[in-house]
N, C-alpha and C. Protein backbone atom coordinates (compact mmCIF):
# COMPACT_ATOMS: atom_id res chain seq x y z
N UNK A 1 69.86 -87.07 -73.48
CA UNK A 1 68.89 -85.98 -74.09
C UNK A 1 67.54 -86.44 -73.63
N UNK A 2 67.05 -87.82 -73.17
CA UNK A 2 65.66 -87.64 -72.81
C UNK A 2 65.95 -87.08 -71.33
N UNK A 3 66.23 -86.96 -70.36
CA UNK A 3 66.52 -86.47 -69.46
C UNK A 3 66.44 -85.18 -69.18
N UNK A 4 67.32 -84.66 -70.59
CA UNK A 4 66.81 -83.11 -70.51
C UNK A 4 65.61 -82.76 -70.99
N UNK A 5 64.98 -83.46 -71.49
CA UNK A 5 63.49 -83.33 -72.06
C UNK A 5 62.68 -83.44 -70.64
N UNK A 6 62.85 -84.39 -70.12
CA UNK A 6 61.92 -84.64 -69.03
C UNK A 6 62.15 -83.62 -68.02
N UNK A 7 63.29 -83.43 -67.60
CA UNK A 7 63.81 -81.87 -66.82
C UNK A 7 63.25 -80.79 -67.28
N UNK A 8 63.15 -80.95 -68.97
CA UNK A 8 62.78 -79.23 -69.39
C UNK A 8 61.00 -79.37 -69.06
N UNK A 9 60.50 -80.23 -69.41
CA UNK A 9 58.87 -80.88 -69.06
C UNK A 9 58.87 -80.05 -67.73
N UNK A 10 59.24 -81.02 -66.60
CA UNK A 10 59.09 -80.50 -65.14
C UNK A 10 59.77 -78.96 -65.14
N UNK A 11 60.22 -78.40 -65.67
CA UNK A 11 61.13 -76.85 -65.57
C UNK A 11 59.63 -75.84 -66.08
N UNK A 12 58.91 -76.61 -67.45
CA UNK A 12 57.84 -75.87 -67.59
C UNK A 12 56.87 -76.18 -67.03
N UNK A 13 56.55 -76.67 -66.42
CA UNK A 13 55.13 -77.44 -65.25
C UNK A 13 55.32 -76.54 -64.61
N UNK A 14 56.37 -76.38 -63.85
CA UNK A 14 56.93 -75.71 -62.52
C UNK A 14 56.43 -74.16 -62.70
N UNK A 15 57.04 -73.91 -64.31
CA UNK A 15 57.06 -72.21 -64.52
C UNK A 15 55.21 -72.35 -64.56
N UNK A 16 54.68 -73.08 -65.44
CA UNK A 16 53.42 -72.69 -65.46
C UNK A 16 52.45 -72.68 -64.21
N UNK A 17 53.08 -73.88 -63.79
CA UNK A 17 52.40 -73.34 -61.89
C UNK A 17 52.66 -72.02 -61.17
N UNK A 18 54.24 -72.19 -61.39
CA UNK A 18 54.43 -70.92 -60.96
C UNK A 18 53.57 -69.69 -61.45
N UNK A 19 53.69 -69.13 -62.59
CA UNK A 19 52.67 -68.39 -63.03
C UNK A 19 51.17 -68.51 -62.74
N UNK A 20 50.68 -69.50 -62.73
CA UNK A 20 49.29 -69.55 -62.05
C UNK A 20 49.19 -69.04 -60.80
N UNK A 21 50.38 -69.32 -60.10
CA UNK A 21 50.23 -68.98 -58.58
C UNK A 21 50.39 -67.42 -58.47
N UNK A 22 51.60 -66.82 -59.28
CA UNK A 22 51.48 -65.44 -59.31
C UNK A 22 50.18 -64.83 -60.06
N UNK A 23 49.65 -65.22 -60.79
CA UNK A 23 48.46 -64.82 -61.18
C UNK A 23 47.14 -65.00 -60.16
N UNK A 24 47.08 -65.75 -59.64
CA UNK A 24 46.52 -66.01 -58.05
C UNK A 24 46.71 -65.07 -57.21
N UNK A 25 47.84 -64.87 -57.17
CA UNK A 25 48.43 -63.68 -56.00
C UNK A 25 47.95 -62.30 -56.58
N UNK A 26 48.69 -62.12 -58.18
CA UNK A 26 47.64 -60.62 -58.53
C UNK A 26 46.23 -60.67 -58.26
N UNK A 27 46.02 -61.54 -58.60
CA UNK A 27 44.02 -61.56 -58.42
C UNK A 27 43.95 -60.76 -57.21
N UNK A 28 44.34 -62.03 -56.18
CA UNK A 28 44.13 -61.89 -54.88
C UNK A 28 44.66 -60.95 -54.05
N UNK A 29 46.07 -60.02 -54.73
CA UNK A 29 46.48 -58.52 -54.45
C UNK A 29 45.18 -57.37 -55.10
N UNK A 30 44.78 -57.98 -56.25
CA UNK A 30 43.82 -56.89 -56.78
C UNK A 30 42.49 -56.94 -55.71
N UNK A 31 42.27 -58.19 -55.69
CA UNK A 31 40.79 -58.30 -54.87
C UNK A 31 41.37 -57.84 -53.05
N UNK A 32 42.12 -57.80 -52.68
CA UNK A 32 42.82 -56.94 -51.62
C UNK A 32 42.84 -55.88 -51.27
N UNK A 33 43.50 -55.20 -52.74
CA UNK A 33 43.88 -53.54 -52.82
C UNK A 33 42.03 -53.16 -52.88
N UNK A 34 41.15 -53.77 -53.63
CA UNK A 34 39.61 -53.42 -53.60
C UNK A 34 39.06 -53.18 -52.74
N UNK A 35 39.19 -54.35 -51.93
CA UNK A 35 38.87 -54.67 -50.43
C UNK A 35 39.27 -53.39 -49.74
N UNK A 36 40.57 -53.35 -49.42
CA UNK A 36 40.58 -52.15 -48.60
C UNK A 36 40.87 -50.57 -49.21
N UNK A 37 40.41 -50.19 -50.21
CA UNK A 37 39.78 -49.01 -51.10
C UNK A 37 38.30 -49.19 -50.56
N UNK A 38 37.93 -50.35 -50.80
CA UNK A 38 36.42 -50.38 -50.00
C UNK A 38 36.37 -50.19 -48.09
N UNK A 39 37.44 -50.59 -47.99
CA UNK A 39 37.52 -50.59 -46.19
C UNK A 39 38.01 -48.91 -46.04
N UNK A 40 38.50 -48.21 -46.85
CA UNK A 40 39.25 -47.05 -46.40
C UNK A 40 37.97 -46.02 -46.42
N UNK A 41 37.25 -46.29 -47.49
CA UNK A 41 36.01 -45.53 -48.02
C UNK A 41 34.94 -45.78 -46.99
N UNK A 42 35.00 -47.17 -46.46
CA UNK A 42 34.11 -46.71 -45.16
C UNK A 42 34.44 -46.34 -44.19
N UNK A 43 35.76 -46.35 -43.85
CA UNK A 43 36.22 -45.65 -42.87
C UNK A 43 36.35 -44.15 -42.69
N UNK A 44 36.42 -43.72 -44.02
CA UNK A 44 36.43 -42.27 -43.95
C UNK A 44 34.85 -41.84 -44.03
N UNK A 45 33.89 -42.23 -44.91
CA UNK A 45 32.93 -42.56 -44.47
C UNK A 45 32.39 -42.56 -42.69
N UNK A 46 33.06 -43.30 -42.46
CA UNK A 46 32.47 -43.69 -40.75
C UNK A 46 32.94 -42.25 -40.36
N UNK A 47 34.60 -42.15 -40.43
CA UNK A 47 35.02 -40.91 -39.98
C UNK A 47 34.20 -39.76 -39.91
N UNK A 48 33.60 -39.35 -41.00
CA UNK A 48 32.82 -37.99 -41.78
C UNK A 48 31.75 -38.31 -40.79
N UNK A 49 31.15 -39.01 -40.70
CA UNK A 49 29.53 -39.56 -40.18
C UNK A 49 29.84 -39.19 -37.99
N UNK A 50 31.15 -39.65 -37.75
CA UNK A 50 32.18 -39.43 -36.47
C UNK A 50 31.79 -37.99 -36.30
N UNK A 51 32.69 -37.44 -37.47
CA UNK A 51 33.07 -36.33 -36.82
C UNK A 51 31.90 -35.19 -37.01
N UNK A 52 30.53 -35.32 -38.23
CA UNK A 52 29.49 -34.33 -37.77
C UNK A 52 28.51 -34.66 -36.45
N UNK A 53 28.85 -36.42 -35.94
CA UNK A 53 27.96 -36.87 -35.10
C UNK A 53 29.08 -35.84 -33.73
N UNK A 54 30.32 -35.71 -33.63
CA UNK A 54 30.50 -35.01 -32.99
C UNK A 54 30.40 -33.81 -32.51
N UNK A 55 30.43 -33.11 -33.78
CA UNK A 55 29.90 -31.77 -33.80
C UNK A 55 28.92 -31.17 -33.52
N UNK A 56 27.89 -31.91 -33.84
CA UNK A 56 26.43 -32.26 -33.03
C UNK A 56 26.50 -32.45 -31.52
N UNK A 57 27.53 -33.63 -31.20
CA UNK A 57 27.16 -33.38 -29.61
C UNK A 57 27.89 -32.22 -29.14
N UNK A 58 29.14 -31.71 -29.64
CA UNK A 58 29.38 -30.62 -29.23
C UNK A 58 29.24 -29.52 -29.08
N UNK A 59 28.13 -29.34 -30.23
CA UNK A 59 26.77 -28.40 -30.38
C UNK A 59 25.68 -28.44 -29.20
N UNK A 60 25.43 -29.67 -29.11
CA UNK A 60 24.32 -30.24 -28.20
C UNK A 60 25.01 -29.87 -27.00
N UNK A 61 26.30 -30.21 -26.21
CA UNK A 61 26.91 -29.72 -24.99
C UNK A 61 27.21 -28.24 -25.23
N UNK A 62 27.11 -27.44 -25.98
CA UNK A 62 27.31 -26.29 -25.79
C UNK A 62 25.85 -25.47 -25.56
N UNK A 63 25.19 -26.22 -26.25
CA UNK A 63 23.60 -25.63 -25.99
C UNK A 63 23.28 -25.81 -24.68
N UNK A 64 23.41 -27.15 -24.10
CA UNK A 64 23.34 -27.66 -22.89
C UNK A 64 23.86 -27.38 -22.01
N UNK A 65 25.44 -26.68 -21.97
CA UNK A 65 25.86 -25.85 -21.19
C UNK A 65 25.22 -24.42 -20.69
N UNK A 66 24.48 -23.72 -21.72
CA UNK A 66 24.23 -22.31 -22.28
C UNK A 66 22.88 -23.12 -21.08
N UNK A 67 22.07 -23.51 -21.72
CA UNK A 67 20.57 -23.60 -20.96
C UNK A 67 20.45 -24.32 -19.33
N UNK A 68 22.05 -24.74 -19.39
CA UNK A 68 22.17 -25.30 -17.57
C UNK A 68 22.50 -23.76 -17.08
N UNK A 69 23.13 -23.01 -17.55
CA UNK A 69 23.67 -21.58 -16.99
C UNK A 69 22.26 -20.86 -17.12
N UNK A 70 21.68 -21.06 -17.55
CA UNK A 70 20.30 -20.10 -17.86
C UNK A 70 19.16 -20.40 -17.14
N UNK A 71 19.33 -22.20 -16.60
CA UNK A 71 18.46 -22.44 -15.56
C UNK A 71 19.11 -22.12 -14.51
N UNK A 72 20.45 -22.31 -14.09
CA UNK A 72 20.85 -21.61 -13.17
C UNK A 72 20.93 -20.53 -12.52
N UNK A 73 20.71 -19.58 -13.63
CA UNK A 73 20.35 -18.02 -13.20
C UNK A 73 18.90 -17.96 -12.76
N UNK A 74 18.21 -18.84 -13.83
CA UNK A 74 16.68 -18.72 -13.34
C UNK A 74 16.25 -19.48 -12.25
N UNK A 75 17.29 -20.35 -11.43
CA UNK A 75 16.49 -20.66 -10.13
C UNK A 75 16.85 -19.91 -9.08
N UNK A 76 18.41 -19.02 -9.83
CA UNK A 76 18.83 -17.43 -8.57
C UNK A 76 17.96 -16.89 -8.65
N UNK A 77 17.13 -16.40 -9.73
CA UNK A 77 16.72 -15.00 -9.64
C UNK A 77 15.44 -15.88 -9.05
N UNK A 78 14.91 -16.89 -9.25
CA UNK A 78 13.44 -17.32 -8.41
C UNK A 78 13.77 -17.16 -7.01
N UNK A 79 14.99 -17.83 -6.49
CA UNK A 79 14.93 -18.23 -5.10
C UNK A 79 15.30 -16.53 -4.48
N UNK A 80 15.56 -15.80 -4.87
CA UNK A 80 16.11 -14.33 -4.64
C UNK A 80 14.28 -13.68 -4.24
N UNK A 81 13.71 -13.87 -5.65
CA UNK A 81 11.97 -13.42 -5.68
C UNK A 81 11.26 -14.31 -4.49
N UNK A 82 11.61 -15.57 -4.32
CA UNK A 82 10.72 -16.06 -3.40
C UNK A 82 11.39 -15.33 -1.81
N UNK A 83 12.88 -15.13 -1.73
CA UNK A 83 13.12 -14.70 -0.51
C UNK A 83 12.76 -13.45 -0.45
N UNK A 84 12.34 -12.32 -1.08
CA UNK A 84 11.93 -11.37 -1.07
C UNK A 84 10.48 -11.32 -0.88
N UNK A 85 9.80 -12.16 -1.37
CA UNK A 85 8.22 -12.53 -0.94
C UNK A 85 8.03 -12.97 -0.04
N UNK A 86 9.00 -13.59 0.84
CA UNK A 86 8.77 -14.57 2.44
C UNK A 86 9.00 -12.99 3.14
N UNK A 87 10.19 -12.38 2.78
CA UNK A 87 10.21 -11.06 3.69
C UNK A 87 9.04 -10.34 3.27
N UNK A 88 8.53 -9.92 2.61
CA UNK A 88 7.02 -9.09 2.48
C UNK A 88 5.84 -9.79 3.04
N UNK A 89 6.10 -10.89 2.68
CA UNK A 89 4.58 -11.85 3.79
C UNK A 89 4.84 -11.52 5.00
N UNK A 90 5.93 -11.86 5.58
CA UNK A 90 6.37 -11.41 6.99
C UNK A 90 5.78 -10.13 7.19
N UNK A 91 6.65 -9.14 6.78
CA UNK A 91 6.21 -7.60 7.21
C UNK A 91 4.79 -7.70 7.24
N UNK A 92 3.93 -8.19 5.98
CA UNK A 92 2.31 -7.90 5.96
C UNK A 92 1.93 -8.37 7.31
N UNK A 93 1.99 -10.09 7.58
CA UNK A 93 1.69 -10.55 8.75
C UNK A 93 1.99 -9.86 10.02
N UNK A 94 3.31 -8.94 10.06
CA UNK A 94 3.34 -8.72 11.78
C UNK A 94 2.67 -7.19 11.39
N UNK A 95 2.61 -6.61 10.41
CA UNK A 95 1.51 -5.04 9.81
C UNK A 95 0.53 -5.52 10.14
N UNK A 96 -0.37 -6.78 9.79
CA UNK A 96 -1.47 -7.78 10.27
C UNK A 96 -1.79 -7.67 11.95
N UNK A 97 -0.59 -8.20 11.75
CA UNK A 97 -1.16 -8.76 13.39
C UNK A 97 -1.10 -7.32 14.55
N UNK A 98 -0.44 -6.17 14.19
CA UNK A 98 -0.15 -4.75 14.92
C UNK A 98 -1.45 -4.46 14.84
N UNK A 99 -2.17 -4.63 13.61
CA UNK A 99 -3.51 -3.83 13.28
C UNK A 99 -4.41 -4.46 14.05
N UNK A 100 -4.50 -5.62 14.01
CA UNK A 100 -5.38 -6.24 14.35
C UNK A 100 -5.14 -6.27 16.01
N UNK A 101 -3.94 -6.21 17.21
CA UNK A 101 -4.12 -5.92 18.69
C UNK A 101 -4.91 -4.49 18.56
N UNK A 102 -4.49 -3.43 17.62
CA UNK A 102 -4.76 -2.19 17.22
C UNK A 102 -6.58 -2.50 17.72
N UNK A 103 -6.98 -3.05 16.64
CA UNK A 103 -8.35 -3.11 16.58
C UNK A 103 -9.28 -3.71 17.98
N UNK A 104 -8.30 -4.79 18.54
CA UNK A 104 -8.66 -5.73 19.56
C UNK A 104 -9.28 -4.25 20.63
N UNK A 105 -7.66 -3.58 20.82
CA UNK A 105 -7.65 -2.67 21.88
C UNK A 105 -8.93 -1.57 21.57
N UNK A 106 -9.07 -1.48 20.54
CA UNK A 106 -9.67 0.21 20.07
C UNK A 106 -11.16 -0.55 20.68
N UNK A 107 -11.38 -2.02 20.18
CA UNK A 107 -12.53 -2.68 20.47
C UNK A 107 -12.67 -2.54 21.72
N UNK A 108 -11.85 -3.22 22.93
CA UNK A 108 -11.98 -2.84 24.28
C UNK A 108 -12.22 -0.96 24.79
N UNK A 109 -11.71 -0.61 24.09
CA UNK A 109 -11.97 0.70 24.64
C UNK A 109 -13.21 1.15 24.59
N UNK A 110 -13.91 0.39 22.75
CA UNK A 110 -14.68 1.25 22.72
C UNK A 110 -16.16 0.93 23.98
N UNK A 111 -16.10 -0.65 23.97
CA UNK A 111 -17.01 -1.33 25.06
C UNK A 111 -16.64 -0.91 26.68
N UNK A 112 -15.78 -0.47 26.88
CA UNK A 112 -15.48 -0.10 28.35
C UNK A 112 -16.29 1.50 27.81
N UNK A 113 -16.28 2.18 26.94
CA UNK A 113 -16.96 3.55 26.94
C UNK A 113 -18.50 3.20 26.67
N UNK A 114 -18.90 1.88 26.15
CA UNK A 114 -20.23 1.77 26.07
C UNK A 114 -21.04 1.49 27.11
N UNK A 115 -19.87 0.34 28.12
CA UNK A 115 -20.44 0.13 29.16
C UNK A 115 -20.63 1.61 30.46
N UNK A 116 -19.76 2.41 30.18
CA UNK A 116 -19.50 3.44 31.22
C UNK A 116 -20.86 4.65 30.55
N UNK A 117 -21.16 4.53 29.35
CA UNK A 117 -22.34 5.35 28.83
C UNK A 117 -23.29 4.64 29.55
N UNK A 118 -23.40 3.43 29.27
CA UNK A 118 -24.84 2.85 29.65
C UNK A 118 -24.93 3.27 31.42
N UNK A 119 -24.11 3.11 31.71
CA UNK A 119 -24.31 3.42 33.46
C UNK A 119 -24.57 4.92 33.57
N UNK A 120 -23.99 5.78 32.77
CA UNK A 120 -24.45 6.88 32.95
C UNK A 120 -25.39 7.34 32.59
N UNK A 121 -25.94 6.40 31.66
CA UNK A 121 -27.61 6.71 31.17
C UNK A 121 -28.21 6.07 31.89
N UNK A 122 -28.07 4.72 32.45
CA UNK A 122 -29.17 4.61 33.71
C UNK A 122 -29.10 5.46 34.91
N UNK A 123 -28.04 6.06 35.35
CA UNK A 123 -27.71 7.18 36.35
C UNK A 123 -28.79 8.48 36.18
N UNK A 124 -28.63 8.67 34.94
CA UNK A 124 -29.73 9.94 34.08
C UNK A 124 -30.93 9.84 34.35
N UNK A 125 -31.15 8.08 34.08
CA UNK A 125 -32.50 7.90 33.74
C UNK A 125 -32.98 7.94 35.47
N UNK A 126 -32.28 7.41 36.27
CA UNK A 126 -32.74 7.26 38.07
C UNK A 126 -32.94 8.98 38.06
N UNK A 127 -32.01 10.09 37.96
CA UNK A 127 -31.91 11.33 38.17
C UNK A 127 -33.29 11.90 37.84
N UNK A 128 -33.94 11.97 36.22
CA UNK A 128 -34.58 12.42 35.76
C UNK A 128 -35.87 11.55 36.68
N UNK A 129 -35.99 10.29 36.70
CA UNK A 129 -37.00 9.79 37.27
C UNK A 129 -37.11 10.31 38.85
N UNK A 130 -36.15 10.81 39.48
CA UNK A 130 -36.17 10.99 40.83
C UNK A 130 -36.86 12.62 40.50
N UNK A 131 -36.42 13.23 39.61
CA UNK A 131 -36.76 14.66 39.32
C UNK A 131 -37.78 15.20 38.81
N UNK A 132 -38.59 13.56 38.12
CA UNK A 132 -39.87 13.78 37.76
C UNK A 132 -40.91 13.43 38.59
N UNK A 133 -40.65 12.23 39.75
CA UNK A 133 -41.10 12.82 41.39
C UNK A 133 -41.38 14.08 41.97
N UNK A 134 -39.76 14.84 41.93
CA UNK A 134 -40.31 15.67 42.37
C UNK A 134 -40.76 16.60 42.41
N UNK A 135 -41.35 17.08 40.98
CA UNK A 135 -41.50 18.10 40.34
C UNK A 135 -43.06 17.47 39.98
N UNK A 136 -43.73 16.35 40.54
CA UNK A 136 -45.06 15.64 40.62
C UNK A 136 -45.35 16.24 41.63
N UNK A 137 -44.41 15.90 43.27
CA UNK A 137 -44.74 16.54 44.27
C UNK A 137 -44.88 17.98 44.44
N UNK A 138 -44.10 18.68 43.49
CA UNK A 138 -43.88 20.23 44.03
C UNK A 138 -45.44 20.35 43.18
N UNK A 139 -45.70 19.79 41.80
CA UNK A 139 -47.25 20.31 41.15
C UNK A 139 -48.33 19.89 42.16
N UNK A 140 -48.38 18.83 42.59
CA UNK A 140 -49.13 18.54 44.13
C UNK A 140 -49.36 19.55 45.29
N UNK A 141 -47.90 20.23 45.39
CA UNK A 141 -48.17 20.80 46.48
C UNK A 141 -48.39 22.60 46.12
N UNK A 142 -47.68 22.82 44.69
CA UNK A 142 -48.82 23.99 44.47
C UNK A 142 -50.08 23.85 44.58
N UNK A 143 -50.84 22.71 43.56
CA UNK A 143 -52.13 22.54 43.90
C UNK A 143 -52.65 23.17 45.22
N UNK A 144 -52.38 22.23 46.32
CA UNK A 144 -52.90 22.30 47.39
C UNK A 144 -52.59 23.89 47.84
N UNK A 145 -51.36 24.37 47.37
CA UNK A 145 -51.46 26.38 47.53
C UNK A 145 -52.23 26.24 47.38
N UNK A 146 -52.55 26.37 46.01
CA UNK A 146 -53.64 27.23 45.43
C UNK A 146 -55.21 26.82 45.74
N UNK A 147 -55.53 25.56 46.40
CA UNK A 147 -57.08 25.28 47.28
C UNK A 147 -56.60 26.11 48.06
N UNK A 148 -55.27 26.31 48.92
CA UNK A 148 -55.81 26.95 50.24
C UNK A 148 -55.53 28.27 49.74
N UNK A 149 -54.91 29.27 48.63
CA UNK A 149 -55.43 30.00 48.76
C UNK A 149 -56.68 30.76 48.16
N UNK A 150 -57.51 29.36 47.49
CA UNK A 150 -58.96 29.64 46.95
C UNK A 150 -59.84 29.86 48.29
N UNK A 151 -59.57 29.19 49.29
CA UNK A 151 -60.27 28.66 50.98
C UNK A 151 -59.84 29.94 51.22
N UNK A 152 -58.66 30.35 51.44
CA UNK A 152 -58.81 31.70 51.99
C UNK A 152 -59.22 32.87 51.56
N UNK A 153 -59.26 33.21 50.10
CA UNK A 153 -60.00 33.91 49.26
C UNK A 153 -61.67 34.18 49.80
N UNK A 154 -61.75 33.09 50.16
CA UNK A 154 -63.45 32.98 50.39
C UNK A 154 -63.79 33.32 51.89
N UNK A 155 -62.96 32.83 52.29
CA UNK A 155 -63.33 33.11 53.67
C UNK A 155 -62.83 34.73 53.99
N UNK A 156 -61.82 35.32 53.09
CA UNK A 156 -61.76 36.83 53.20
C UNK A 156 -63.12 37.49 52.52
N UNK A 157 -63.38 36.75 51.60
CA UNK A 157 -64.79 37.42 50.95
C UNK A 157 -65.87 37.26 52.20
N UNK A 158 -66.07 36.33 52.54
CA UNK A 158 -67.35 36.11 53.51
C UNK A 158 -66.83 37.14 55.09
N UNK A 159 -65.31 37.25 54.98
CA UNK A 159 -65.60 38.59 56.49
C UNK A 159 -65.45 39.34 56.11
N UNK A 160 -65.47 39.82 54.44
CA UNK A 160 -65.28 41.34 54.22
C UNK A 160 -67.28 41.58 54.35
N UNK A 161 -67.48 40.54 53.51
CA UNK A 161 -69.01 40.99 53.70
C UNK A 161 -69.52 41.02 54.84
N UNK A 162 -69.00 40.33 55.91
CA UNK A 162 -69.88 40.24 57.42
C UNK A 162 -69.18 41.20 58.05
N UNK A 163 -68.14 41.71 57.83
CA UNK A 163 -67.54 42.82 58.58
C UNK A 163 -67.88 44.39 58.10
N UNK A 164 -67.86 44.49 56.36
CA UNK A 164 -68.17 45.28 55.88
C UNK A 164 -66.68 46.46 55.93
N UNK A 165 -66.08 45.85 55.75
CA UNK A 165 -64.95 46.73 55.69
C UNK A 165 -64.81 47.57 54.43
N UNK A 166 -63.93 48.87 54.36
CA UNK A 166 -64.09 49.40 53.18
C UNK A 166 -63.02 49.15 52.37
N UNK A 167 -63.34 49.67 51.00
CA UNK A 167 -62.42 49.53 49.87
C UNK A 167 -60.98 49.48 49.78
N UNK A 168 -60.73 50.46 51.05
CA UNK A 168 -59.24 50.57 50.97
C UNK A 168 -58.36 49.35 51.92
N UNK A 169 -59.36 49.40 53.41
CA UNK A 169 -58.82 48.10 53.80
C UNK A 169 -58.91 46.84 52.98
N UNK A 170 -59.64 46.59 52.42
CA UNK A 170 -59.83 45.47 51.65
C UNK A 170 -58.90 45.66 50.72
N UNK A 171 -57.98 46.22 49.89
CA UNK A 171 -57.43 46.37 48.53
C UNK A 171 -56.03 45.54 49.95
N UNK A 172 -55.79 46.51 51.12
CA UNK A 172 -54.73 46.26 52.05
C UNK A 172 -54.48 44.65 52.19
N UNK A 173 -55.77 43.77 52.63
CA UNK A 173 -55.46 42.75 52.97
C UNK A 173 -55.37 42.19 51.85
N UNK A 174 -56.02 42.09 50.31
CA UNK A 174 -55.60 41.71 49.15
C UNK A 174 -54.67 41.38 48.98
N UNK A 175 -53.39 42.96 49.06
CA UNK A 175 -52.04 42.77 48.63
C UNK A 175 -51.27 41.83 50.14
N UNK A 176 -51.59 41.61 51.13
CA UNK A 176 -50.93 41.50 51.92
C UNK A 176 -51.15 39.80 51.76
N UNK A 177 -52.04 39.48 51.00
CA UNK A 177 -52.52 37.76 50.38
C UNK A 177 -51.46 37.48 49.26
N UNK A 178 -50.44 36.25 49.58
CA UNK A 178 -49.25 36.20 48.28
C UNK A 178 -50.24 35.41 46.70
N UNK A 179 -49.64 36.28 45.89
CA UNK A 179 -50.65 35.60 44.44
C UNK A 179 -49.97 34.30 44.09
N UNK A 180 -50.89 33.79 43.41
CA UNK A 180 -50.65 32.05 42.89
C UNK A 180 -49.14 31.98 41.87
N UNK A 181 -48.93 33.32 41.52
CA UNK A 181 -47.82 32.87 40.64
C UNK A 181 -46.20 33.30 41.38
N UNK A 182 -46.52 33.86 42.91
CA UNK A 182 -45.29 34.15 43.78
C UNK A 182 -45.51 33.00 44.49
N UNK A 183 -46.53 32.28 44.68
CA UNK A 183 -46.64 31.21 45.62
C UNK A 183 -45.84 29.61 44.43
N UNK A 184 -45.62 30.21 43.68
CA UNK A 184 -45.60 28.34 42.46
C UNK A 184 -44.11 29.01 42.63
N UNK A 185 -43.53 30.69 42.26
CA UNK A 185 -41.99 30.97 42.33
C UNK A 185 -41.72 30.16 43.57
N UNK A 186 -41.93 30.76 44.75
CA UNK A 186 -41.83 30.74 46.01
C UNK A 186 -41.28 28.45 46.17
N UNK A 187 -42.24 28.28 45.86
CA UNK A 187 -42.32 26.81 46.01
C UNK A 187 -41.39 25.95 45.24
N UNK A 188 -40.99 26.45 43.99
CA UNK A 188 -39.91 26.00 43.12
C UNK A 188 -38.40 26.63 43.68
N UNK A 189 -38.56 27.54 44.22
CA UNK A 189 -37.19 28.14 44.63
C UNK A 189 -36.76 27.11 46.08
N UNK A 190 -37.95 26.99 46.73
CA UNK A 190 -37.73 25.86 48.04
C UNK A 190 -37.27 24.76 47.15
N UNK A 191 -37.70 24.01 46.45
CA UNK A 191 -37.63 22.64 45.78
C UNK A 191 -35.88 22.90 45.51
N UNK A 192 -35.60 24.01 44.49
CA UNK A 192 -34.59 23.88 43.92
C UNK A 192 -33.18 24.06 44.95
N UNK A 193 -33.97 24.62 46.28
CA UNK A 193 -32.58 24.98 47.56
C UNK A 193 -32.79 22.77 48.01
N UNK A 194 -34.00 22.45 47.95
CA UNK A 194 -33.70 20.86 48.18
C UNK A 194 -32.84 20.05 47.58
N UNK A 195 -33.05 20.08 46.25
CA UNK A 195 -32.32 19.30 45.32
C UNK A 195 -30.76 19.63 44.63
N UNK A 196 -30.92 20.83 44.03
CA UNK A 196 -29.67 21.16 43.34
C UNK A 196 -28.78 20.95 44.59
N UNK A 197 -27.23 21.21 44.06
CA UNK A 197 -26.22 21.61 45.35
C UNK A 197 -25.83 22.40 45.84
N UNK A 198 -26.18 23.73 45.40
CA UNK A 198 -26.09 24.99 45.67
C UNK A 198 -27.47 24.86 46.72
N UNK A 199 -28.08 24.52 46.23
CA UNK A 199 -29.17 24.24 47.92
C UNK A 199 -29.03 24.12 48.94
N UNK A 200 -28.31 22.27 48.65
CA UNK A 200 -27.76 21.61 49.56
C UNK A 200 -26.84 22.37 50.99
N UNK A 201 -25.70 23.24 49.72
CA UNK A 201 -24.93 23.87 50.38
C UNK A 201 -25.40 24.86 51.11
N UNK A 202 -26.10 25.78 50.65
CA UNK A 202 -27.08 26.94 51.34
C UNK A 202 -27.84 26.01 52.61
N UNK A 203 -28.57 24.94 51.97
CA UNK A 203 -28.94 24.14 53.56
C UNK A 203 -28.06 23.97 55.12
N UNK A 204 -27.37 23.34 54.21
CA UNK A 204 -25.94 23.32 55.60
C UNK A 204 -25.61 24.32 56.51
N UNK A 205 -25.53 25.59 55.10
CA UNK A 205 -25.07 26.92 56.17
C UNK A 205 -26.07 27.50 56.71
N UNK A 206 -27.34 26.79 56.95
CA UNK A 206 -28.55 27.17 57.26
C UNK A 206 -28.62 26.44 59.05
N UNK A 207 -28.04 25.47 58.49
CA UNK A 207 -28.17 24.46 59.63
C UNK A 207 -27.16 24.62 60.55
N UNK A 208 -26.09 25.91 60.05
CA UNK A 208 -24.93 25.82 61.05
C UNK A 208 -25.15 27.21 61.42
N UNK A 209 -26.18 28.11 61.02
CA UNK A 209 -26.93 29.49 61.96
C UNK A 209 -26.57 30.36 60.88
N UNK A 210 -26.12 30.32 59.62
CA UNK A 210 -25.88 31.13 58.60
C UNK A 210 -27.29 31.18 57.70
N UNK A 211 -28.14 32.33 57.93
CA UNK A 211 -28.81 32.79 56.95
C UNK A 211 -28.81 32.99 56.05
N UNK A 212 -29.57 32.59 55.02
CA UNK A 212 -29.88 32.31 53.34
C UNK A 212 -30.96 33.36 53.00
N UNK A 213 -30.87 33.78 52.22
CA UNK A 213 -31.57 34.47 51.58
C UNK A 213 -32.36 34.52 49.91
N UNK A 214 -33.61 34.23 50.10
CA UNK A 214 -34.35 33.44 48.96
C UNK A 214 -34.18 34.80 47.72
N UNK A 215 -34.23 34.50 46.35
CA UNK A 215 -34.04 35.63 45.25
C UNK A 215 -36.00 36.29 45.57
N UNK A 216 -36.48 35.15 45.87
CA UNK A 216 -38.20 35.92 46.08
C UNK A 216 -38.49 36.70 47.07
N UNK A 217 -37.44 37.11 48.17
CA UNK A 217 -37.78 37.31 49.07
C UNK A 217 -37.07 38.74 49.03
């Protein structure tokens, strides 16, 4: 009987210990379930955040791809515009070089024409100076002729008074004397025969024995 009581107490002690362990296990299970629930909630929260982050990242990638496409298109258009600009610049440069060459040629032509004009001007000045000298010489000759005419008139008047010639004879002698205008005209024709190309030609004809008639003769 005593052994049964002892054994009963032992079983009661084991039962109490087992019940305590079961209670502790139940509490541990509850804590583990609570921790699991918290972990699941945290995981779901993180998963939601991760999904939102992935969505934002996906949108960012899409936007980045669109931006990259836009940048690529812009670069292509810019390169095309630069090529067109380079071609236009090359064309303008070629046209400018051509016009510059034409301007240089025109300048050289103008300089040559200016030199030619200056040479002609110098030649004309020399001819004018020569003509001026000839004209002065003709004027001196005309003055000499006029002086001779006056001298002849004085001689004629002296002879007329000395000889007592009649009016008719005097008029005949006066008509035989050349007038001042006729003398000047003949002198100028003689000067033209000597200085003009036609006069030189007629002079050569006279040298070869061909006569030349003056308009005053």
